[in-house]
Every structure is written in structure tokens, then in C-alpha cells.
Amino acid sequence: MATRRDRSSTALRPLALSQGLLSRADGSAQFSFGDVAVLGSVTGPAEVRIRDELVDRATLEINVRPLRGQGGPGIKALEETLASLFTPLILLHLYPRALLQLTLQTVSSPSTAFSIPTSTDPLLQRKGKGKEEVVPTPRGVALGASERAATINAAMMAVIDAGVQSRGMLVAVAVAFVPRTKAADQEEEEEMVLDPSPADEDQATSSHVFAFSFGVGVGGTQGTCVCVDSVGTFSEDQLFDAQDLAQSACQTVLAFIRKSVETKYGAESGPAPVTTRPAAAADAEEEPMADASEENESSDDDKVMIDA
């Protein structure tokens, strides 16, 4: 197997973030890892059906839609994962008796994980008809790891664009272990790959999605790991190494998100523009301003004397 030449194994693909794309949604965002893109939208707070109404908090409804076909067990599992992540993060008690609807749509080419047989047993392998033919390890999910990470990031940015209050930021990245062949002795070793491409995930022995929470009381600036979604065969040391790499990568993604949001909403701007006035008006205002400063100084002196 050839080593990737486009980027190093610990480098992220180009990141892209767009907000406010949908005019009929209260908030929307599209997040991309390279050519893997997911579009998210938030509707609400809106009226909720009586059977789903909660008197003390909002009802959070999450729908994940693949680019083609219908959502299967893998999509339902991702919806449950998103619900477990965003339910404690969003301040739902601020929107009682309301509905927050989060919809996520893959807008890039589907992951090549669709071409691999699915199974509930990720460790299952079977031999083909030939003596040396081995069918690839079945996947337990229908979406690739990078696609699931992009889905989490798109959901978070859509929530922010909708102005829904939350306790912090949620950022996710994917890590995979891919067998590589050394040119010297032709021995295979597993290389840890950050943000794997669909081709990397096809060859990977295991893939992992890590989500970190950032914010005051929910992770600080370093981030706290709140989700680990792993598929495949791996050791405990590999999992911890992947988590360390993912934590530093999530900080990089968070810095990119902040810069993008600041550019959109003007959070960082230059000094206030200087207003010019006619010279006569400026001269007329100089004397009253001096009198005001003298009054302030006299009042300060009186205060000091009274305090003394």
C-alpha cells in the first residue's frame, strides 16, 4: 500500500465553513473536511405537538438524511449519538413548551463505506471463493468517520447560527489506523491518520470519531472528550494515542471556526472611524469642554477633601 503523498498523516484536509445558507431556516451551516461536506439547519423555537411537549424544557428533534436512499440503522445510531451530545449542551430549559428541530444533510459524495458489507459484528471477516481472497471487514455504520465528524461540526455551527444558547462548543475530528508497507523490509505497520479520506477508511483496520467540548465549565480551552465512536480492531494504546492527536486537532478546528465566525459577524474589527467636523464647530466646543473638565476636577477635589 502506498503512502499518502498529498499531505502528512497528522494534517487536516482543507476546512470550509459557511453559515446562513438557507433563508427559510432559523439557522444553517455547512462544514467540510476537504470534499466531505454536511449541511445542517435549525428550526425553532417553534410550536411543538402536544404529545411531544415538555413543560420544563424544549423538545430536541434530530434528523439525519443521507445524500441518497433512506436512513438505515447507521443513520439512526448517528441520530442517537447527536441527541446524547446536544441534549446536555443546549440550554433547553430556556425554551419550555417549544420545539428545536435539527436537520443534517450530506451534500458531498457518499462515503465509500457503502461499498463494504454492513454487519452488526465489526470483527467479522469471511473468506471469499479464492484461496487468498478475503472480503473486507464489514462496517457497522453506513457513514464514514470523517463524515460523522463533519456532521457533528455542522450541527454545532447551525445551532450557533440560529442563536440558540448553549453551554459551550462541540468540535469533532476523525482518526483511523491504516496499514502501510515499508519499502525496506516489506513489513506492514499501522499508521495513525488524522482526518482519513474515504480511500483511507476502506483500508483502515479501525476508525474513530472524537468529539471535544470547549467552554467555561464544560472543557475550558483544552477541551474535554465527551464522545468516542470507534469501529474496528484496535488496542488500548492506539485509542489513547488517537485521542491525544484528536484533541490537538480539535483545537485547530476550533481556532478556524472562531476566525470564520469573527469574519462573518464582525466580532473582530478595526478602530472606530474618526468623524470629522468643521473647524468653527470644533472651536466653539473647546471652551465648554474645558469648563466641564474643570468642574470634574473641582468635584473630585471636593470629594477628596470630604473623604479626608
C-alpha atoms as a PDB file:
ATOM      1  CA  MET A   1       0.000   0.000   0.000  1.00  0.00           C
ATOM      2  CA  ALA A   2       1.371   3.372  -0.978  1.00  0.00           C
ATOM      3  CA  THR A   3       1.847   6.172   1.479  1.00  0.00           C
ATOM      4  CA  ARG A   4      -0.263   9.268   1.024  1.00  0.00           C
ATOM      5  CA  ARG A   5       1.557  11.972  -0.895  1.00  0.00           C
ATOM      6  CA  ASP A   6      -0.936  14.840  -0.724  1.00  0.00           C
ATOM      7  CA  ARG A   7      -0.480  15.603   2.999  1.00  0.00           C
ATOM      8  CA  SER A   8       1.110  14.223   6.122  1.00  0.00           C
ATOM      9  CA  SER A   9      -0.710  11.678   8.245  1.00  0.00           C
ATOM     10  CA  THR A  10      -1.207  14.223  11.053  1.00  0.00           C
ATOM     11  CA  ALA A  11      -2.543  17.044   8.865  1.00  0.00           C
ATOM     12  CA  LEU A  12      -6.155  18.039   8.328  1.00  0.00           C
ATOM     13  CA  ARG A  13      -7.650  18.434   4.907  1.00  0.00           C
ATOM     14  CA  PRO A  14      -8.707  21.991   3.953  1.00  0.00           C
ATOM     15  CA  LEU A  15     -11.532  23.160   6.220  1.00  0.00           C
ATOM     16  CA  ALA A  16     -14.549  25.117   4.981  1.00  0.00           C
ATOM     17  CA  LEU A  17     -17.411  26.710   6.903  1.00  0.00           C
ATOM     18  CA  SER A  18     -20.408  28.675   5.636  1.00  0.00           C
ATOM     19  CA  GLN A  19     -23.310  29.982   7.719  1.00  0.00           C
ATOM     20  CA  GLY A  20     -26.725  31.381   6.906  1.00  0.00           C
ATOM     21  CA  LEU A  21     -27.111  29.450   3.649  1.00  0.00           C
ATOM     22  CA  LEU A  22     -30.821  28.623   3.998  1.00  0.00           C
ATOM     23  CA  SER A  23     -33.286  31.504   4.006  1.00  0.00           C
ATOM     24  CA  ARG A  24     -36.238  29.544   5.423  1.00  0.00           C
ATOM     25  CA  ALA A  25     -34.373  28.124   8.418  1.00  0.00           C
ATOM     26  CA  ASP A  26     -33.672  29.949  11.658  1.00  0.00           C
ATOM     27  CA  GLY A  27     -30.045  28.885  11.422  1.00  0.00           C
ATOM     28  CA  SER A  28     -27.921  26.931   8.965  1.00  0.00           C
ATOM     29  CA  ALA A  29     -24.303  25.998   8.393  1.00  0.00           C
ATOM     30  CA  GLN A  30     -22.209  23.827   6.102  1.00  0.00           C
ATOM     31  CA  PHE A  31     -18.976  22.280   7.358  1.00  0.00           C
ATOM     32  CA  SER A  32     -16.449  20.456   5.199  1.00  0.00           C
ATOM     33  CA  PHE A  33     -13.352  18.323   5.658  1.00  0.00           C
ATOM     34  CA  GLY A  34     -11.891  18.507   2.169  1.00  0.00           C
ATOM     35  CA  ASP A  35     -14.543  17.130  -0.198  1.00  0.00           C
ATOM     36  CA  VAL A  36     -16.683  15.723   2.638  1.00  0.00           C
ATOM     37  CA  ALA A  37     -19.415  18.302   3.327  1.00  0.00           C
ATOM     38  CA  VAL A  38     -22.507  18.263   5.559  1.00  0.00           C
ATOM     39  CA  LEU A  39     -25.259  20.893   5.670  1.00  0.00           C
ATOM     40  CA  GLY A  40     -27.172  21.498   8.910  1.00  0.00           C
ATOM     41  CA  SER A  41     -30.259  23.595   9.656  1.00  0.00           C
ATOM     42  CA  VAL A  42     -32.118  24.556  12.831  1.00  0.00           C
ATOM     43  CA  THR A  43     -35.793  25.468  13.024  1.00  0.00           C
ATOM     44  CA  GLY A  44     -37.199  26.899  16.216  1.00  0.00           C
ATOM     45  CA  PRO A  45     -38.016  27.526  18.897  1.00  0.00           C
ATOM     46  CA  ALA A  46     -41.334  26.644  17.276  1.00  0.00           C
ATOM     47  CA  GLU A  47     -44.676  25.182  18.239  1.00  0.00           C
ATOM     48  CA  VAL A  48     -44.489  21.566  19.302  1.00  0.00           C
ATOM     49  CA  ARG A  49     -47.087  18.818  19.097  1.00  0.00           C
ATOM     50  CA  ILE A  50     -48.928  18.214  22.339  1.00  0.00           C
ATOM     51  CA  ARG A  51     -47.730  14.630  22.638  1.00  0.00           C
ATOM     52  CA  ASP A  52     -44.079  15.811  22.428  1.00  0.00           C
ATOM     53  CA  GLU A  53     -44.466  18.893  24.617  1.00  0.00           C
ATOM     54  CA  LEU A  54     -42.249  19.212  27.703  1.00  0.00           C
ATOM     55  CA  VAL A  55     -43.279  21.729  30.353  1.00  0.00           C
ATOM     56  CA  ASP A  56     -39.773  22.417  31.681  1.00  0.00           C
ATOM     57  CA  ARG A  57     -37.640  22.406  28.527  1.00  0.00           C
ATOM     58  CA  ALA A  58     -37.671  22.318  24.756  1.00  0.00           C
ATOM     59  CA  THR A  59     -38.091  19.172  22.714  1.00  0.00           C
ATOM     60  CA  LEU A  60     -34.992  18.479  20.612  1.00  0.00           C
ATOM     61  CA  GLU A  61     -35.664  16.619  17.376  1.00  0.00           C
ATOM     62  CA  ILE A  62     -32.705  15.482  15.240  1.00  0.00           C
ATOM     63  CA  ASN A  63     -32.983  14.156  11.688  1.00  0.00           C
ATOM     64  CA  VAL A  64     -30.009  12.923   9.628  1.00  0.00           C
ATOM     65  CA  ARG A  65     -30.546  12.411   5.916  1.00  0.00           C
ATOM     66  CA  PRO A  66     -28.061  10.680   3.605  1.00  0.00           C
ATOM     67  CA  LEU A  67     -27.408  12.032   0.141  1.00  0.00           C
ATOM     68  CA  ARG A  68     -29.091   9.045  -1.473  1.00  0.00           C
ATOM     69  CA  GLY A  69     -31.522   6.446  -0.272  1.00  0.00           C
ATOM     70  CA  GLN A  70     -33.165   6.044   3.093  1.00  0.00           C
ATOM     71  CA  GLY A  71     -31.545   6.148   6.501  1.00  0.00           C
ATOM     72  CA  GLY A  72     -30.799   2.760   7.962  1.00  0.00           C
ATOM     73  CA  PRO A  73     -29.546   1.574  11.349  1.00  0.00           C
ATOM     74  CA  GLY A  74     -26.304   3.524  10.936  1.00  0.00           C
ATOM     75  CA  ILE A  75     -28.225   6.782  10.441  1.00  0.00           C
ATOM     76  CA  LYS A  76     -30.434   6.068  13.451  1.00  0.00           C
ATOM     77  CA  ALA A  77     -27.338   5.361  15.544  1.00  0.00           C
ATOM     78  CA  LEU A  78     -25.844   8.700  14.491  1.00  0.00           C
ATOM     79  CA  GLU A  79     -29.073  10.494  15.434  1.00  0.00           C
ATOM     80  CA  GLU A  80     -28.927   8.930  18.892  1.00  0.00           C
ATOM     81  CA  THR A  81     -25.289   9.973  19.242  1.00  0.00           C
ATOM     82  CA  LEU A  82     -26.128  13.556  18.301  1.00  0.00           C
ATOM     83  CA  ALA A  83     -29.038  13.585  20.746  1.00  0.00           C
ATOM     84  CA  SER A  84     -26.803  12.406  23.585  1.00  0.00           C
ATOM     85  CA  LEU A  85     -24.268  15.139  22.740  1.00  0.00           C
ATOM     86  CA  PHE A  86     -26.546  18.139  22.210  1.00  0.00           C
ATOM     87  CA  THR A  87     -29.240  17.492  24.830  1.00  0.00           C
ATOM     88  CA  PRO A  88     -26.942  18.358  27.784  1.00  0.00           C
ATOM     89  CA  LEU A  89     -25.093  21.049  25.809  1.00  0.00           C
ATOM     90  CA  ILE A  90     -28.036  23.196  24.668  1.00  0.00           C
ATOM     91  CA  LEU A  91     -29.838  25.223  27.339  1.00  0.00           C
ATOM     92  CA  LEU A  92     -33.184  23.596  26.623  1.00  0.00           C
ATOM     93  CA  HIS A  93     -34.766  24.927  29.822  1.00  0.00           C
ATOM     94  CA  LEU A  94     -34.742  28.412  28.295  1.00  0.00           C
ATOM     95  CA  TYR A  95     -37.278  27.286  25.670  1.00  0.00           C
ATOM     96  CA  PRO A  96     -40.055  25.390  27.517  1.00  0.00           C
ATOM     97  CA  ARG A  97     -43.014  24.006  25.569  1.00  0.00           C
ATOM     98  CA  ALA A  98     -41.174  24.567  22.276  1.00  0.00           C
ATOM     99  CA  LEU A  99     -39.557  22.514  19.520  1.00  0.00           C
ATOM    100  CA  LEU A 100     -35.974  22.729  18.292  1.00  0.00           C
ATOM    101  CA  GLN A 101     -35.580  20.781  15.070  1.00  0.00           C
ATOM    102  CA  LEU A 102     -32.075  19.977  13.857  1.00  0.00           C
ATOM    103  CA  THR A 103     -31.770  18.554  10.339  1.00  0.00           C
ATOM    104  CA  LEU A 104     -28.492  17.375   8.796  1.00  0.00           C
ATOM    105  CA  GLN A 105     -27.922  16.511   5.141  1.00  0.00           C
ATOM    106  CA  THR A 106     -24.836  15.103   3.458  1.00  0.00           C
ATOM    107  CA  VAL A 107     -24.153  17.239   0.375  1.00  0.00           C
ATOM    108  CA  SER A 108     -20.955  15.561  -0.829  1.00  0.00           C
ATOM    109  CA  SER A 109     -20.420  12.209  -2.485  1.00  0.00           C
ATOM    110  CA  PRO A 110     -21.389   9.360  -0.181  1.00  0.00           C
ATOM    111  CA  SER A 111     -18.645   7.627   1.723  1.00  0.00           C
ATOM    112  CA  THR A 112     -17.144   4.515   0.164  1.00  0.00           C
ATOM    113  CA  ALA A 113     -18.172   2.682   3.312  1.00  0.00           C
ATOM    114  CA  PHE A 114     -21.418   1.963   1.419  1.00  0.00           C
ATOM    115  CA  SER A 115     -19.482  -0.439  -0.818  1.00  0.00           C
ATOM    116  CA  ILE A 116     -18.429  -2.578   2.143  1.00  0.00           C
ATOM    117  CA  PRO A 117     -20.930  -5.113   3.509  1.00  0.00           C
ATOM    118  CA  THR A 118     -22.573  -3.973   6.732  1.00  0.00           C
ATOM    119  CA  SER A 119     -22.791  -6.122   9.819  1.00  0.00           C
ATOM    120  CA  THR A 120     -23.568  -5.705  13.478  1.00  0.00           C
ATOM    121  CA  ASP A 121     -20.317  -7.518  14.265  1.00  0.00           C
ATOM    122  CA  PRO A 122     -17.382  -5.206  13.338  1.00  0.00           C
ATOM    123  CA  LEU A 123     -14.878  -8.019  13.926  1.00  0.00           C
ATOM    124  CA  LEU A 124     -16.495 -10.400  11.451  1.00  0.00           C
ATOM    125  CA  GLN A 125     -14.416 -11.490   8.452  1.00  0.00           C
ATOM    126  CA  ARG A 126     -15.129 -14.159   5.903  1.00  0.00           C
ATOM    127  CA  LYS A 127     -13.063 -15.658   3.117  1.00  0.00           C
ATOM    128  CA  GLY A 128     -14.086 -15.430  -0.482  1.00  0.00           C
ATOM    129  CA  LYS A 129     -14.190 -18.203  -3.066  1.00  0.00           C
ATOM    130  CA  GLY A 130     -10.472 -17.925  -3.869  1.00  0.00           C
ATOM    131  CA  LYS A 131      -7.803 -19.280  -1.572  1.00  0.00           C
ATOM    132  CA  GLU A 132      -6.277 -15.891  -0.782  1.00  0.00           C
ATOM    133  CA  GLU A 133      -9.372 -13.755  -1.394  1.00  0.00           C
ATOM    134  CA  VAL A 134     -10.634 -12.091   1.779  1.00  0.00           C
ATOM    135  CA  VAL A 135     -13.716  -9.917   1.873  1.00  0.00           C
ATOM    136  CA  PRO A 136     -13.055  -6.584   3.653  1.00  0.00           C
ATOM    137  CA  THR A 137     -14.145  -6.248   7.248  1.00  0.00           C
ATOM    138  CA  PRO A 138     -17.849  -5.334   7.348  1.00  0.00           C
ATOM    139  CA  ARG A 139     -18.698  -1.903   8.715  1.00  0.00           C
ATOM    140  CA  GLY A 140     -21.210  -1.468  11.482  1.00  0.00           C
ATOM    141  CA  VAL A 141     -22.200   2.011  10.267  1.00  0.00           C
ATOM    142  CA  ALA A 142     -23.290   3.484   6.942  1.00  0.00           C
ATOM    143  CA  LEU A 143     -21.333   6.748   7.206  1.00  0.00           C
ATOM    144  CA  GLY A 144     -17.569   7.171   7.220  1.00  0.00           C
ATOM    145  CA  ALA A 145     -15.749   8.537  10.251  1.00  0.00           C
ATOM    146  CA  SER A 146     -14.884  11.876   8.649  1.00  0.00           C
ATOM    147  CA  GLU A 147     -18.472  12.268   7.510  1.00  0.00           C
ATOM    148  CA  ARG A 148     -19.755  11.669  11.038  1.00  0.00           C
ATOM    149  CA  ALA A 149     -17.273  14.209  12.414  1.00  0.00           C
ATOM    150  CA  ALA A 150     -18.379  16.775   9.826  1.00  0.00           C
ATOM    151  CA  THR A 151     -21.999  16.096  10.808  1.00  0.00           C
ATOM    152  CA  ILE A 152     -21.282  16.970  14.453  1.00  0.00           C
ATOM    153  CA  ASN A 153     -19.480  20.175  13.477  1.00  0.00           C
ATOM    154  CA  ALA A 154     -22.227  21.231  11.053  1.00  0.00           C
ATOM    155  CA  ALA A 155     -24.863  20.641  13.734  1.00  0.00           C
ATOM    156  CA  MET A 156     -22.959  22.777  16.247  1.00  0.00           C
ATOM    157  CA  MET A 157     -22.491  25.651  13.824  1.00  0.00           C
ATOM    158  CA  ALA A 158     -26.149  25.561  12.781  1.00  0.00           C
ATOM    159  CA  VAL A 159     -27.149  25.849  16.445  1.00  0.00           C
ATOM    160  CA  ILE A 160     -24.850  28.858  16.824  1.00  0.00           C
ATOM    161  CA  ASP A 161     -26.189  30.495  13.661  1.00  0.00           C
ATOM    162  CA  ALA A 162     -29.755  30.094  14.967  1.00  0.00           C
ATOM    163  CA  GLY A 163     -28.845  31.955  18.162  1.00  0.00           C
ATOM    164  CA  VAL A 164     -29.777  29.011  20.380  1.00  0.00           C
ATOM    165  CA  GLN A 165     -27.932  29.326  23.668  1.00  0.00           C
ATOM    166  CA  SER A 166     -25.613  26.520  24.722  1.00  0.00           C
ATOM    167  CA  ARG A 167     -23.054  25.847  27.429  1.00  0.00           C
ATOM    168  CA  GLY A 168     -20.078  25.576  25.086  1.00  0.00           C
ATOM    169  CA  MET A 169     -18.703  24.492  21.745  1.00  0.00           C
ATOM    170  CA  LEU A 170     -18.578  20.979  20.369  1.00  0.00           C
ATOM    171  CA  VAL A 171     -15.844  20.047  17.866  1.00  0.00           C
ATOM    172  CA  ALA A 172     -15.204  16.626  16.313  1.00  0.00           C
ATOM    173  CA  VAL A 173     -12.490  15.031  14.183  1.00  0.00           C
ATOM    174  CA  ALA A 174     -11.819  11.517  12.882  1.00  0.00           C
ATOM    175  CA  VAL A 175      -8.739   9.318  13.231  1.00  0.00           C
ATOM    176  CA  ALA A 176      -8.033   5.997  11.501  1.00  0.00           C
ATOM    177  CA  PHE A 177      -5.309   3.358  11.620  1.00  0.00           C
ATOM    178  CA  VAL A 178      -4.270   2.345   8.107  1.00  0.00           C
ATOM    179  CA  PRO A 179      -1.834  -0.490   7.273  1.00  0.00           C
ATOM    180  CA  ARG A 180       1.257   0.792   5.456  1.00  0.00           C
ATOM    181  CA  THR A 181       4.042  -1.219   3.810  1.00  0.00           C
ATOM    182  CA  LYS A 182       7.654  -0.287   4.495  1.00  0.00           C
ATOM    183  CA  ALA A 183       9.768  -0.185   1.344  1.00  0.00           C
ATOM    184  CA  ALA A 184      12.853  -1.613   3.104  1.00  0.00           C
ATOM    185  CA  ASP A 185      11.702  -4.900   4.589  1.00  0.00           C
ATOM    186  CA  GLN A 186       8.159  -5.066   3.144  1.00  0.00           C
ATOM    187  CA  GLU A 187       6.653  -5.239   6.614  1.00  0.00           C
ATOM    188  CA  GLU A 188       3.269  -3.758   7.336  1.00  0.00           C
ATOM    189  CA  GLU A 189       2.606  -1.398  10.194  1.00  0.00           C
ATOM    190  CA  GLU A 190      -0.478   0.560  11.135  1.00  0.00           C
ATOM    191  CA  GLU A 191      -0.157   4.296  10.585  1.00  0.00           C
ATOM    192  CA  MET A 192      -2.319   6.713  12.539  1.00  0.00           C
ATOM    193  CA  VAL A 193      -4.073   9.013  10.052  1.00  0.00           C
ATOM    194  CA  LEU A 194      -5.875  12.193  11.042  1.00  0.00           C
ATOM    195  CA  ASP A 195      -8.999  13.114   9.076  1.00  0.00           C
ATOM    196  CA  PRO A 196      -8.909   9.999   6.869  1.00  0.00           C
ATOM    197  CA  SER A 197     -10.199  10.157   3.316  1.00  0.00           C
ATOM    198  CA  PRO A 198     -12.762   7.587   2.094  1.00  0.00           C
ATOM    199  CA  ALA A 199      -9.921   5.629   0.482  1.00  0.00           C
ATOM    200  CA  ASP A 200      -8.066   5.558   3.811  1.00  0.00           C
ATOM    201  CA  GLU A 201     -11.178   4.357   5.620  1.00  0.00           C
ATOM    202  CA  ASP A 202     -11.610   1.493   3.138  1.00  0.00           C
ATOM    203  CA  GLN A 203      -8.154   0.200   4.073  1.00  0.00           C
ATOM    204  CA  ALA A 204      -8.301   1.069   7.787  1.00  0.00           C
ATOM    205  CA  THR A 205      -8.306  -1.587  10.465  1.00  0.00           C
ATOM    206  CA  SER A 206     -10.136   0.818  12.789  1.00  0.00           C
ATOM    207  CA  SER A 207     -11.685   4.286  12.634  1.00  0.00           C
ATOM    208  CA  HIS A 208     -12.538   6.626  15.500  1.00  0.00           C
ATOM    209  CA  VAL A 209     -14.600   9.794  15.884  1.00  0.00           C
ATOM    210  CA  PHE A 210     -13.712  12.019  18.844  1.00  0.00           C
ATOM    211  CA  ALA A 211     -15.844  14.959  19.992  1.00  0.00           C
ATOM    212  CA  PHE A 212     -14.486  17.526  22.454  1.00  0.00           C
ATOM    213  CA  SER A 213     -16.406  20.151  24.413  1.00  0.00           C
ATOM    214  CA  PHE A 214     -14.902  23.624  24.858  1.00  0.00           C
ATOM    215  CA  GLY A 215     -16.123  26.362  27.163  1.00  0.00           C
ATOM    216  CA  VAL A 216     -16.204  27.635  30.727  1.00  0.00           C
ATOM    217  CA  GLY A 217     -17.158  24.729  32.952  1.00  0.00           C
ATOM    218  CA  VAL A 218     -17.511  22.279  30.049  1.00  0.00           C
ATOM    219  CA  GLY A 219     -13.943  21.772  28.894  1.00  0.00           C
ATOM    220  CA  GLY A 220     -12.078  25.065  29.088  1.00  0.00           C
ATOM    221  CA  THR A 221      -9.571  25.908  26.370  1.00  0.00           C
ATOM    222  CA  GLN A 222      -8.041  22.428  26.195  1.00  0.00           C
ATOM    223  CA  GLY A 223     -11.333  20.618  25.675  1.00  0.00           C
ATOM    224  CA  THR A 224     -12.925  17.622  27.352  1.00  0.00           C
ATOM    225  CA  CYS A 225     -13.595  14.413  25.433  1.00  0.00           C
ATOM    226  CA  VAL A 226     -17.348  13.791  25.511  1.00  0.00           C
ATOM    227  CA  CYS A 227     -17.727  11.225  22.728  1.00  0.00           C
ATOM    228  CA  VAL A 228     -15.699   8.339  21.287  1.00  0.00           C
ATOM    229  CA  ASP A 229     -17.247   6.400  18.404  1.00  0.00           C
ATOM    230  CA  SER A 230     -14.951   3.568  17.297  1.00  0.00           C
ATOM    231  CA  VAL A 231     -15.279   0.810  14.716  1.00  0.00           C
ATOM    232  CA  GLY A 232     -12.788  -1.985  14.021  1.00  0.00           C
ATOM    233  CA  THR A 233      -9.952  -3.724  15.823  1.00  0.00           C
ATOM    234  CA  PHE A 234      -7.540  -1.658  17.907  1.00  0.00           C
ATOM    235  CA  SER A 235      -5.535  -1.715  21.109  1.00  0.00           C
ATOM    236  CA  GLU A 236      -5.888   0.452  24.193  1.00  0.00           C
ATOM    237  CA  ASP A 237      -2.637   2.277  23.409  1.00  0.00           C
ATOM    238  CA  GLN A 238      -3.863   3.057  19.900  1.00  0.00           C
ATOM    239  CA  LEU A 239      -7.076   4.515  21.284  1.00  0.00           C
ATOM    240  CA  PHE A 240      -5.233   6.812  23.700  1.00  0.00           C
ATOM    241  CA  ASP A 241      -2.760   7.910  21.013  1.00  0.00           C
ATOM    242  CA  ALA A 242      -5.637   8.698  18.689  1.00  0.00           C
ATOM    243  CA  GLN A 243      -7.368  10.689  21.426  1.00  0.00           C
ATOM    244  CA  ASP A 244      -4.263  12.822  22.035  1.00  0.00           C
ATOM    245  CA  LEU A 245      -3.947  13.561  18.323  1.00  0.00           C
ATOM    246  CA  ALA A 246      -7.655  14.338  18.054  1.00  0.00           C
ATOM    247  CA  GLN A 247      -7.532  16.744  20.996  1.00  0.00           C
ATOM    248  CA  SER A 248      -4.850  18.910  19.397  1.00  0.00           C
ATOM    249  CA  ALA A 249      -6.635  18.707  16.030  1.00  0.00           C
ATOM    250  CA  CYS A 250      -9.922  19.835  17.603  1.00  0.00           C
ATOM    251  CA  GLN A 251      -8.159  22.906  18.995  1.00  0.00           C
ATOM    252  CA  THR A 252      -7.015  23.717  15.453  1.00  0.00           C
ATOM    253  CA  VAL A 253     -10.553  23.262  14.120  1.00  0.00           C
ATOM    254  CA  LEU A 254     -11.920  25.460  16.919  1.00  0.00           C
ATOM    255  CA  ALA A 255      -9.459  28.235  16.049  1.00  0.00           C
ATOM    256  CA  PHE A 256     -10.607  28.038  12.419  1.00  0.00           C
ATOM    257  CA  ILE A 257     -14.275  28.193  13.462  1.00  0.00           C
ATOM    258  CA  ARG A 258     -13.655  31.253  15.631  1.00  0.00           C
ATOM    259  CA  LYS A 259     -11.881  33.039  12.812  1.00  0.00           C
ATOM    260  CA  SER A 260     -14.687  32.202  10.402  1.00  0.00           C
ATOM    261  CA  VAL A 261     -17.402  33.396  12.795  1.00  0.00           C
ATOM    262  CA  GLU A 262     -15.492  36.588  13.531  1.00  0.00           C
ATOM    263  CA  THR A 263     -15.243  37.280   9.815  1.00  0.00           C
ATOM    264  CA  LYS A 264     -18.980  36.732   9.291  1.00  0.00           C
ATOM    265  CA  TYR A 265     -20.321  38.671  12.272  1.00  0.00           C
ATOM    266  CA  GLY A 266     -17.549  41.255  12.604  1.00  0.00           C
ATOM    267  CA  ALA A 267     -16.513  40.221  16.090  1.00  0.00           C
ATOM    268  CA  GLU A 268     -13.033  41.488  15.380  1.00  0.00           C
ATOM    269  CA  SER A 269     -12.905  44.907  13.735  1.00  0.00           C
ATOM    270  CA  GLY A 270     -10.590  47.847  13.446  1.00  0.00           C
ATOM    271  CA  PRO A 271     -10.791  51.063  15.487  1.00  0.00           C
ATOM    272  CA  ALA A 272     -13.924  53.170  15.231  1.00  0.00           C
ATOM    273  CA  PRO A 273     -13.890  55.541  12.246  1.00  0.00           C
ATOM    274  CA  VAL A 274     -12.885  59.109  13.027  1.00  0.00           C
ATOM    275  CA  THR A 275     -15.665  61.655  12.463  1.00  0.00           C
ATOM    276  CA  THR A 276     -14.575  64.987  11.029  1.00  0.00           C
ATOM    277  CA  ARG A 277     -16.362  68.260  11.835  1.00  0.00           C
ATOM    278  CA  PRO A 278     -15.969  71.841  10.582  1.00  0.00           C
ATOM    279  CA  ALA A 279     -13.252  73.872  12.302  1.00  0.00           C
ATOM    280  CA  ALA A 280     -15.706  76.505  13.567  1.00  0.00           C
ATOM    281  CA  ALA A 281     -17.842  73.890  15.303  1.00  0.00           C
ATOM    282  CA  ALA A 282     -14.767  72.342  16.867  1.00  0.00           C
ATOM    283  CA  ASP A 283     -13.552  75.717  18.193  1.00  0.00           C
ATOM    284  CA  ALA A 284     -16.996  76.510  19.595  1.00  0.00           C
ATOM    285  CA  GLU A 285     -16.998  73.287  21.600  1.00  0.00           C
ATOM    286  CA  GLU A 286     -13.487  73.601  23.002  1.00  0.00           C
ATOM    287  CA  GLU A 287     -14.382  76.098  25.766  1.00  0.00           C
ATOM    288  CA  PRO A 288     -17.426  74.206  27.169  1.00  0.00           C
ATOM    289  CA  MET A 289     -15.396  71.013  27.198  1.00  0.00           C
ATOM    290  CA  ALA A 290     -12.666  72.781  29.181  1.00  0.00           C
ATOM    291  CA  ASP A 291     -15.258  74.084  31.653  1.00  0.00           C
ATOM    292  CA  ALA A 292     -16.642  70.568  32.051  1.00  0.00           C
ATOM    293  CA  SER A 293     -13.193  69.191  32.782  1.00  0.00           C
ATOM    294  CA  GLU A 294     -12.609  71.927  35.377  1.00  0.00           C
ATOM    295  CA  GLU A 295     -15.919  71.097  37.048  1.00  0.00           C
ATOM    296  CA  ASN A 296     -14.964  67.432  37.164  1.00  0.00           C
ATOM    297  CA  GLU A 297     -11.622  68.273  38.712  1.00  0.00           C
ATOM    298  CA  SER A 298     -13.244  70.561  41.331  1.00  0.00           C
ATOM    299  CA  SER A 299     -15.819  67.917  42.213  1.00  0.00           C
ATOM    300  CA  ASP A 300     -13.034  65.342  42.546  1.00  0.00           C
ATOM    301  CA  ASP A 301     -11.101  67.740  44.819  1.00  0.00           C
ATOM    302  CA  ASP A 302     -14.191  68.291  46.969  1.00  0.00           C
ATOM    303  CA  LYS A 303     -14.665  64.536  47.213  1.00  0.00           C
ATOM    304  CA  VAL A 304     -11.069  64.056  48.287  1.00  0.00           C
ATOM    305  CA  MET A 305     -11.399  66.771  50.914  1.00  0.00           C
ATOM    306  CA  ILE A 306     -14.608  65.267  52.274  1.00  0.00           C
ATOM    307  CA  ASP A 307     -13.048  61.851  52.427  1.00  0.00           C
ATOM    308  CA  ALA A 308     -10.045  63.301  54.258  1.00  0.00           C
END
